Amino acid sequence: MPPSEHYRMGLNNLLQRRYGAGAANHLRWESFRTGTDHFPTWTFIAYVDGFEYGRGCGRDQGTAKEVAAEGTLSQLRRQWGHLF
């Protein structure tokens, strides 16, 4: 497993345990880019059931999304820890 997908995979697994086959319906990503074409900064925001749980920035989309997934996964594990 590439390191760039570690937290995203963990987040998807956690959501599948919580919601089953409909897990994808509970996660929404928002992204935007700032900076120049040669030096962009990407920001990804993860929403679960309409609430923001994680935000990440990086020089590429994969890094920014992974950082957001890490924060989201951490919060959901604390919030839902009693369920698993």
PDB file of N, CA and C in Angstrom:
ATOM      1  N   MET A   1       0.853  -1.184   0.000  1.00  0.00           N
ATOM      2  CA  MET A   1       0.000   0.000   0.000  1.00  0.00           C
ATOM      3  C   MET A   1       0.888   1.233   0.000  1.00  0.00           C
ATOM      4  N   PRO A   2       0.706   2.120  -0.968  1.00  0.00           N
ATOM      5  CA  PRO A   2       1.497   3.345  -0.986  1.00  0.00           C
ATOM      6  C   PRO A   2       1.189   4.207   0.231  1.00  0.00           C
ATOM      7  N   PRO A   3       2.205   4.831   0.825  1.00  0.00           N
ATOM      8  CA  PRO A   3       1.971   5.666   2.007  1.00  0.00           C
ATOM      9  C   PRO A   3       0.951   6.759   1.762  1.00  0.00           C
ATOM     10  N   SER A   4       0.844   7.229   0.531  1.00  0.00           N
ATOM     11  CA  SER A   4      -0.068   8.328   0.240  1.00  0.00           C
ATOM     12  C   SER A   4      -1.533   7.925   0.355  1.00  0.00           C
ATOM     13  N   GLU A   5      -1.820   6.648   0.536  1.00  0.00           N
ATOM     14  CA  GLU A   5      -3.206   6.211   0.640  1.00  0.00           C
ATOM     15  C   GLU A   5      -3.514   5.577   1.990  1.00  0.00           C
ATOM     16  N   HIS A   6      -2.598   5.631   2.911  1.00  0.00           N
ATOM     17  CA  HIS A   6      -2.770   4.961   4.193  1.00  0.00           C
ATOM     18  C   HIS A   6      -3.983   5.471   4.972  1.00  0.00           C
ATOM     19  N   TYR A   7      -4.088   6.767   5.171  1.00  0.00           N
ATOM     20  CA  TYR A   7      -5.185   7.325   5.966  1.00  0.00           C
ATOM     21  C   TYR A   7      -6.502   7.312   5.201  1.00  0.00           C
ATOM     22  N   ARG A   8      -6.441   7.520   3.897  1.00  0.00           N
ATOM     23  CA  ARG A   8      -7.671   7.448   3.099  1.00  0.00           C
ATOM     24  C   ARG A   8      -8.263   6.052   3.155  1.00  0.00           C
ATOM     25  N   MET A   9      -7.415   5.048   3.072  1.00  0.00           N
ATOM     26  CA  MET A   9      -7.896   3.670   3.153  1.00  0.00           C
ATOM     27  C   MET A   9      -8.475   3.393   4.540  1.00  0.00           C
ATOM     28  N   GLY A  10      -7.793   3.849   5.573  1.00  0.00           N
ATOM     29  CA  GLY A  10      -8.290   3.658   6.933  1.00  0.00           C
ATOM     30  C   GLY A  10      -9.626   4.355   7.137  1.00  0.00           C
ATOM     31  N   LEU A  11      -9.770   5.549   6.578  1.00  0.00           N
ATOM     32  CA  LEU A  11     -11.024   6.280   6.679  1.00  0.00           C
ATOM     33  C   LEU A  11     -12.143   5.528   5.963  1.00  0.00           C
ATOM     34  N   ASN A  12     -11.865   5.054   4.768  1.00  0.00           N
ATOM     35  CA  ASN A  12     -12.876   4.289   4.032  1.00  0.00           C
ATOM     36  C   ASN A  12     -13.267   3.026   4.784  1.00  0.00           C
ATOM     37  N   ASN A  13     -12.293   2.339   5.363  1.00  0.00           N
ATOM     38  CA  ASN A  13     -12.588   1.122   6.128  1.00  0.00           C
ATOM     39  C   ASN A  13     -13.464   1.424   7.341  1.00  0.00           C
ATOM     40  N   LEU A  14     -13.151   2.510   8.052  1.00  0.00           N
ATOM     41  CA  LEU A  14     -13.938   2.883   9.224  1.00  0.00           C
ATOM     42  C   LEU A  14     -15.379   3.223   8.823  1.00  0.00           C
ATOM     43  N   LEU A  15     -15.529   3.966   7.745  1.00  0.00           N
ATOM     44  CA  LEU A  15     -16.869   4.327   7.289  1.00  0.00           C
ATOM     45  C   LEU A  15     -17.655   3.099   6.837  1.00  0.00           C
ATOM     46  N   GLN A  16     -16.983   2.142   6.231  1.00  0.00           N
ATOM     47  CA  GLN A  16     -17.660   0.906   5.829  1.00  0.00           C
ATOM     48  C   GLN A  16     -18.114   0.103   7.037  1.00  0.00           C
ATOM     49  N   ARG A  17     -17.302   0.081   8.098  1.00  0.00           N
ATOM     50  CA  ARG A  17     -17.728  -0.620   9.317  1.00  0.00           C
ATOM     51  C   ARG A  17     -18.943   0.056   9.936  1.00  0.00           C
ATOM     52  N   ARG A  18     -18.978   1.366   9.850  1.00  0.00           N
ATOM     53  CA  ARG A  18     -20.080   2.131  10.453  1.00  0.00           C
ATOM     54  C   ARG A  18     -21.346   2.074   9.597  1.00  0.00           C
ATOM     55  N   TYR A  19     -21.189   2.261   8.272  1.00  0.00           N
ATOM     56  CA  TYR A  19     -22.342   2.432   7.400  1.00  0.00           C
ATOM     57  C   TYR A  19     -22.579   1.285   6.418  1.00  0.00           C
ATOM     58  N   GLY A  20     -21.677   0.359   6.330  1.00  0.00           N
ATOM     59  CA  GLY A  20     -21.843  -0.745   5.383  1.00  0.00           C
ATOM     60  C   GLY A  20     -21.634  -0.290   3.948  1.00  0.00           C
ATOM     61  N   ALA A  21     -22.392  -0.910   3.060  1.00  0.00           N
ATOM     62  CA  ALA A  21     -22.211  -0.662   1.630  1.00  0.00           C
ATOM     63  C   ALA A  21     -22.495   0.780   1.228  1.00  0.00           C
ATOM     64  N   GLY A  22     -23.247   1.513   2.008  1.00  0.00           N
ATOM     65  CA  GLY A  22     -23.580   2.895   1.678  1.00  0.00           C
ATOM     66  C   GLY A  22     -22.597   3.910   2.212  1.00  0.00           C
ATOM     67  N   ALA A  23     -21.422   3.478   2.629  1.00  0.00           N
ATOM     68  CA  ALA A  23     -20.442   4.371   3.265  1.00  0.00           C
ATOM     69  C   ALA A  23     -20.082   5.568   2.394  1.00  0.00           C
ATOM     70  N   ALA A  24     -19.961   5.362   1.103  1.00  0.00           N
ATOM     71  CA  ALA A  24     -19.556   6.452   0.206  1.00  0.00           C
ATOM     72  C   ALA A  24     -20.565   7.598   0.210  1.00  0.00           C
ATOM     73  N   ASN A  25     -21.808   7.314   0.552  1.00  0.00           N
ATOM     74  CA  ASN A  25     -22.831   8.351   0.588  1.00  0.00           C
ATOM     75  C   ASN A  25     -22.675   9.285   1.786  1.00  0.00           C
ATOM     76  N   HIS A  26     -21.843   8.926   2.740  1.00  0.00           N
ATOM     77  CA  HIS A  26     -21.677   9.710   3.956  1.00  0.00           C
ATOM     78  C   HIS A  26     -20.425  10.585   3.943  1.00  0.00           C
ATOM     79  N   LEU A  27     -19.561  10.390   2.952  1.00  0.00           N
ATOM     80  CA  LEU A  27     -18.301  11.132   2.858  1.00  0.00           C
ATOM     81  C   LEU A  27     -18.336  12.027   1.626  1.00  0.00           C
ATOM     82  N   ARG A  28     -17.971  13.292   1.829  1.00  0.00           N
ATOM     83  CA  ARG A  28     -17.883  14.235   0.715  1.00  0.00           C
ATOM     84  C   ARG A  28     -16.568  14.993   0.822  1.00  0.00           C
ATOM     85  N   TRP A  29     -15.893  15.147  -0.301  1.00  0.00           N
ATOM     86  CA  TRP A  29     -14.640  15.901  -0.364  1.00  0.00           C
ATOM     87  C   TRP A  29     -14.879  17.208  -1.080  1.00  0.00           C
ATOM     88  N   GLU A  30     -14.265  18.254  -0.579  1.00  0.00           N
ATOM     89  CA  GLU A  30     -14.257  19.548  -1.250  1.00  0.00           C
ATOM     90  C   GLU A  30     -12.795  19.920  -1.432  1.00  0.00           C
ATOM     91  N   SER A  31     -12.464  20.485  -2.586  1.00  0.00           N
ATOM     92  CA  SER A  31     -11.064  20.866  -2.810  1.00  0.00           C
ATOM     93  C   SER A  31     -10.996  22.201  -3.534  1.00  0.00           C
ATOM     94  N   PHE A  32      -9.891  22.881  -3.305  1.00  0.00           N
ATOM     95  CA  PHE A  32      -9.601  24.086  -4.059  1.00  0.00           C
ATOM     96  C   PHE A  32      -8.105  24.308  -4.096  1.00  0.00           C
ATOM     97  N   ARG A  33      -7.702  25.065  -5.092  1.00  0.00           N
ATOM     98  CA  ARG A  33      -6.281  25.336  -5.324  1.00  0.00           C
ATOM     99  C   ARG A  33      -6.038  26.830  -5.255  1.00  0.00           C
ATOM    100  N   THR A  34      -4.938  27.182  -4.607  1.00  0.00           N
ATOM    101  CA  THR A  34      -4.486  28.567  -4.580  1.00  0.00           C
ATOM    102  C   THR A  34      -3.048  28.590  -5.086  1.00  0.00           C
ATOM    103  N   GLY A  35      -2.519  29.755  -5.265  1.00  0.00           N
ATOM    104  CA  GLY A  35      -1.142  29.871  -5.747  1.00  0.00           C
ATOM    105  C   GLY A  35      -1.084  29.909  -7.265  1.00  0.00           C
ATOM    106  N   THR A  36       0.117  29.807  -7.766  1.00  0.00           N
ATOM    107  CA  THR A  36       0.342  29.870  -9.210  1.00  0.00           C
ATOM    108  C   THR A  36       0.312  28.475  -9.813  1.00  0.00           C
ATOM    109  N   ASP A  37       0.298  28.416 -11.133  1.00  0.00           N
ATOM    110  CA  ASP A  37       0.329  27.128 -11.820  1.00  0.00           C
ATOM    111  C   ASP A  37       1.603  26.356 -11.503  1.00  0.00           C
ATOM    112  N   HIS A  38       2.698  27.060 -11.284  1.00  0.00           N
ATOM    113  CA  HIS A  38       3.982  26.410 -11.024  1.00  0.00           C
ATOM    114  C   HIS A  38       4.234  26.141  -9.549  1.00  0.00           C
ATOM    115  N   PHE A  39       3.437  26.766  -8.675  1.00  0.00           N
ATOM    116  CA  PHE A  39       3.632  26.581  -7.239  1.00  0.00           C
ATOM    117  C   PHE A  39       2.268  26.590  -6.539  1.00  0.00           C
ATOM    118  N   PRO A  40       1.451  25.563  -6.837  1.00  0.00           N
ATOM    119  CA  PRO A  40       0.102  25.537  -6.267  1.00  0.00           C
ATOM    120  C   PRO A  40       0.090  25.019  -4.831  1.00  0.00           C
ATOM    121  N   THR A  41      -0.945  25.383  -4.121  1.00  0.00           N
ATOM    122  CA  THR A  41      -1.244  24.790  -2.824  1.00  0.00           C
ATOM    123  C   THR A  41      -2.678  24.271  -2.903  1.00  0.00           C
ATOM    124  N   TRP A  42      -2.834  22.990  -2.627  1.00  0.00           N
ATOM    125  CA  TRP A  42      -4.144  22.359  -2.643  1.00  0.00           C
ATOM    126  C   TRP A  42      -4.675  22.252  -1.221  1.00  0.00           C
ATOM    127  N   THR A  43      -5.968  22.457  -1.085  1.00  0.00           N
ATOM    128  CA  THR A  43      -6.653  22.264   0.188  1.00  0.00           C
ATOM    129  C   THR A  43      -7.806  21.300  -0.036  1.00  0.00           C
ATOM    130  N   PHE A  44      -7.881  20.281   0.795  1.00  0.00           N
ATOM    131  CA  PHE A  44      -8.997  19.339   0.768  1.00  0.00           C
ATOM    132  C   PHE A  44      -9.706  19.396   2.108  1.00  0.00           C
ATOM    133  N   ILE A  45     -11.019  19.327   2.061  1.00  0.00           N
ATOM    134  CA  ILE A  45     -11.849  19.303   3.263  1.00  0.00           C
ATOM    135  C   ILE A  45     -12.709  18.050   3.191  1.00  0.00           C
ATOM    136  N   ALA A  46     -12.730  17.297   4.279  1.00  0.00           N
ATOM    137  CA  ALA A  46     -13.546  16.077   4.355  1.00  0.00           C
ATOM    138  C   ALA A  46     -14.771  16.347   5.209  1.00  0.00           C
ATOM    139  N   TYR A  47     -15.923  16.005   4.662  1.00  0.00           N
ATOM    140  CA  TYR A  47     -17.191  16.144   5.374  1.00  0.00           C
ATOM    141  C   TYR A  47     -17.788  14.750   5.567  1.00  0.00           C
ATOM    142  N   VAL A  48     -18.221  14.467   6.768  1.00  0.00           N
ATOM    143  CA  VAL A  48     -18.936  13.228   7.054  1.00  0.00           C
ATOM    144  C   VAL A  48     -20.318  13.635   7.547  1.00  0.00           C
ATOM    145  N   ASP A  49     -21.319  13.154   6.847  1.00  0.00           N
ATOM    146  CA  ASP A  49     -22.710  13.495   7.164  1.00  0.00           C
ATOM    147  C   ASP A  49     -22.922  15.005   7.242  1.00  0.00           C
ATOM    148  N   GLY A  50     -22.226  15.727   6.360  1.00  0.00           N
ATOM    149  CA  GLY A  50     -22.408  17.161   6.257  1.00  0.00           C
ATOM    150  C   GLY A  50     -21.582  18.006   7.218  1.00  0.00           C
ATOM    151  N   PHE A  51     -20.818  17.365   8.098  1.00  0.00           N
ATOM    152  CA  PHE A  51     -19.987  18.096   9.062  1.00  0.00           C
ATOM    153  C   PHE A  51     -18.517  17.989   8.682  1.00  0.00           C
ATOM    154  N   GLU A  52     -17.805  19.106   8.765  1.00  0.00           N
ATOM    155  CA  GLU A  52     -16.371  19.078   8.465  1.00  0.00           C
ATOM    156  C   GLU A  52     -15.625  18.349   9.575  1.00  0.00           C
ATOM    157  N   TYR A  53     -14.812  17.366   9.165  1.00  0.00           N
ATOM    158  CA  TYR A  53     -14.019  16.602  10.123  1.00  0.00           C
ATOM    159  C   TYR A  53     -12.525  16.744   9.897  1.00  0.00           C
ATOM    160  N   GLY A  54     -12.111  17.113   8.714  1.00  0.00           N
ATOM    161  CA  GLY A  54     -10.683  17.214   8.456  1.00  0.00           C
ATOM    162  C   GLY A  54     -10.395  18.174   7.322  1.00  0.00           C
ATOM    163  N   ARG A  55      -9.225  18.795   7.421  1.00  0.00           N
ATOM    164  CA  ARG A  55      -8.780  19.746   6.406  1.00  0.00           C
ATOM    165  C   ARG A  55      -7.287  19.554   6.239  1.00  0.00           C
ATOM    166  N   GLY A  56      -6.844  19.528   4.999  1.00  0.00           N
ATOM    167  CA  GLY A  56      -5.419  19.352   4.750  1.00  0.00           C
ATOM    168  C   GLY A  56      -4.946  20.158   3.572  1.00  0.00           C
ATOM    169  N   CYS A  57      -3.717  20.614   3.651  1.00  0.00           N
ATOM    170  CA  CYS A  57      -3.094  21.388   2.580  1.00  0.00           C
ATOM    171  C   CYS A  57      -1.816  20.697   2.141  1.00  0.00           C
ATOM    172  N   GLY A  58      -1.477  20.872   0.872  1.00  0.00           N
ATOM    173  CA  GLY A  58      -0.250  20.299   0.349  1.00  0.00           C
ATOM    174  C   GLY A  58       0.041  20.817  -1.041  1.00  0.00           C
ATOM    175  N   ARG A  59       1.224  20.516  -1.527  1.00  0.00           N
ATOM    176  CA  ARG A  59       1.651  20.962  -2.848  1.00  0.00           C
ATOM    177  C   ARG A  59       1.017  20.150  -3.967  1.00  0.00           C
ATOM    178  N   ASP A  60       0.435  18.997  -3.635  1.00  0.00           N
ATOM    179  CA  ASP A  60      -0.274  18.209  -4.628  1.00  0.00           C
ATOM    180  C   ASP A  60      -1.572  17.696  -4.010  1.00  0.00           C
ATOM    181  N   GLN A  61      -2.472  17.266  -4.860  1.00  0.00           N
ATOM    182  CA  GLN A  61      -3.793  16.850  -4.405  1.00  0.00           C
ATOM    183  C   GLN A  61      -3.725  15.636  -3.468  1.00  0.00           C
ATOM    184  N   GLY A  62      -2.882  14.679  -3.801  1.00  0.00           N
ATOM    185  CA  GLY A  62      -2.782  13.464  -2.991  1.00  0.00           C
ATOM    186  C   GLY A  62      -2.341  13.754  -1.563  1.00  0.00           C
ATOM    187  N   THR A  63      -1.353  14.602  -1.412  1.00  0.00           N
ATOM    188  CA  THR A  63      -0.859  14.955  -0.083  1.00  0.00           C
ATOM    189  C   THR A  63      -1.925  15.684   0.719  1.00  0.00           C
ATOM    190  N   ALA A  64      -2.575  16.659   0.101  1.00  0.00           N
ATOM    191  CA  ALA A  64      -3.595  17.436   0.798  1.00  0.00           C
ATOM    192  C   ALA A  64      -4.764  16.546   1.235  1.00  0.00           C
ATOM    193  N   LYS A  65      -5.169  15.647   0.370  1.00  0.00           N
ATOM    194  CA  LYS A  65      -6.290  14.757   0.696  1.00  0.00           C
ATOM    195  C   LYS A  65      -5.902  13.788   1.805  1.00  0.00           C
ATOM    196  N   GLU A  66      -4.674  13.326   1.779  1.00  0.00           N
ATOM    197  CA  GLU A  66      -4.195  12.400   2.808  1.00  0.00           C
ATOM    198  C   GLU A  66      -4.152  13.078   4.174  1.00  0.00           C
ATOM    199  N   VAL A  67      -3.705  14.324   4.224  1.00  0.00           N
ATOM    200  CA  VAL A  67      -3.671  15.073   5.485  1.00  0.00           C
ATOM    201  C   VAL A  67      -5.084  15.271   6.020  1.00  0.00           C
ATOM    202  N   ALA A  68      -6.012  15.603   5.145  1.00  0.00           N
ATOM    203  CA  ALA A  68      -7.410  15.762   5.562  1.00  0.00           C
ATOM    204  C   ALA A  68      -7.984  14.436   6.053  1.00  0.00           C
ATOM    205  N   ALA A  69      -7.651  13.353   5.383  1.00  0.00           N
ATOM    206  CA  ALA A  69      -8.133  12.030   5.794  1.00  0.00           C
ATOM    207  C   ALA A  69      -7.566  11.640   7.153  1.00  0.00           C
ATOM    208  N   GLU A  70      -6.314  11.993   7.409  1.00  0.00           N
ATOM    209  CA  GLU A  70      -5.701  11.692   8.700  1.00  0.00           C
ATOM    210  C   GLU A  70      -6.459  12.376   9.843  1.00  0.00           C
ATOM    211  N   GLY A  71      -6.743  13.659   9.681  1.00  0.00           N
ATOM    212  CA  GLY A  71      -7.477  14.385  10.710  1.00  0.00           C
ATOM    213  C   GLY A  71      -8.887  13.845  10.900  1.00  0.00           C
ATOM    214  N   THR A  72      -9.531  13.514   9.811  1.00  0.00           N
ATOM    215  CA  THR A  72     -10.888  12.973   9.859  1.00  0.00           C
ATOM    216  C   THR A  72     -10.903  11.630  10.562  1.00  0.00           C
ATOM    217  N   LEU A  73      -9.994  10.768  10.188  1.00  0.00           N
ATOM    218  CA  LEU A  73      -9.913   9.441  10.796  1.00  0.00           C
ATOM    219  C   LEU A  73      -9.662   9.545  12.292  1.00  0.00           C
ATOM    220  N   SER A  74      -8.777  10.420  12.688  1.00  0.00           N
ATOM    221  CA  SER A  74      -8.463  10.603  14.100  1.00  0.00           C
ATOM    222  C   SER A  74      -9.698  11.056  14.885  1.00  0.00           C
ATOM    223  N   GLN A  75     -10.411  12.030  14.359  1.00  0.00           N
ATOM    224  CA  GLN A  75     -11.611  12.522  15.044  1.00  0.00           C
ATOM    225  C   GLN A  75     -12.700  11.458  15.125  1.00  0.00           C
ATOM    226  N   LEU A  76     -12.917  10.746  14.030  1.00  0.00           N
ATOM    227  CA  LEU A  76     -13.974   9.735  14.031  1.00  0.00           C
ATOM    228  C   LEU A  76     -13.642   8.570  14.963  1.00  0.00           C
ATOM    229  N   ARG A  77     -12.381   8.199  15.039  1.00  0.00           N
ATOM    230  CA  ARG A  77     -11.998   7.120  15.970  1.00  0.00           C
ATOM    231  C   ARG A  77     -12.284   7.526  17.410  1.00  0.00           C
ATOM    232  N   ARG A  78     -12.018   8.778  17.748  1.00  0.00           N
ATOM    233  CA  ARG A  78     -12.333   9.253  19.104  1.00  0.00           C
ATOM    234  C   ARG A  78     -13.842   9.293  19.326  1.00  0.00           C
ATOM    235  N   GLN A  79     -14.547   9.775  18.341  1.00  0.00           N
ATOM    236  CA  GLN A  79     -15.998   9.946  18.457  1.00  0.00           C
ATOM    237  C   GLN A  79     -16.729   8.609  18.452  1.00  0.00           C
ATOM    238  N   TRP A  80     -16.299   7.685  17.610  1.00  0.00           N
ATOM    239  CA  TRP A  80     -17.008   6.417  17.432  1.00  0.00           C
ATOM    240  C   TRP A  80     -16.317   5.248  18.104  1.00  0.00           C
ATOM    241  N   GLY A  81     -15.270   5.486  18.860  1.00  0.00           N
ATOM    242  CA  GLY A  81     -14.493   4.404  19.450  1.00  0.00           C
ATOM    243  C   GLY A  81     -15.317   3.405  20.230  1.00  0.00           C
ATOM    244  N   HIS A  82     -16.373   3.844  20.878  1.00  0.00           N
ATOM    245  CA  HIS A  82     -17.208   2.954  21.679  1.00  0.00           C
ATOM    246  C   HIS A  82     -18.044   2.020  20.811  1.00  0.00           C
ATOM    247  N   LEU A  83     -18.136   2.309  19.515  1.00  0.00           N
ATOM    248  CA  LEU A  83     -18.973   1.488  18.641  1.00  0.00           C
ATOM    249  C   LEU A  83     -18.259   0.258  18.111  1.00  0.00           C
ATOM    250  N   PHE A  84     -16.935   0.215  18.229  1.00  0.00           N
ATOM    251  CA  PHE A  84     -16.184  -0.882  17.608  1.00  0.00           C
ATOM    252  C   PHE A  84     -15.410  -1.649  18.650  1.00  0.00           C
TER     253      PHE A  84
END
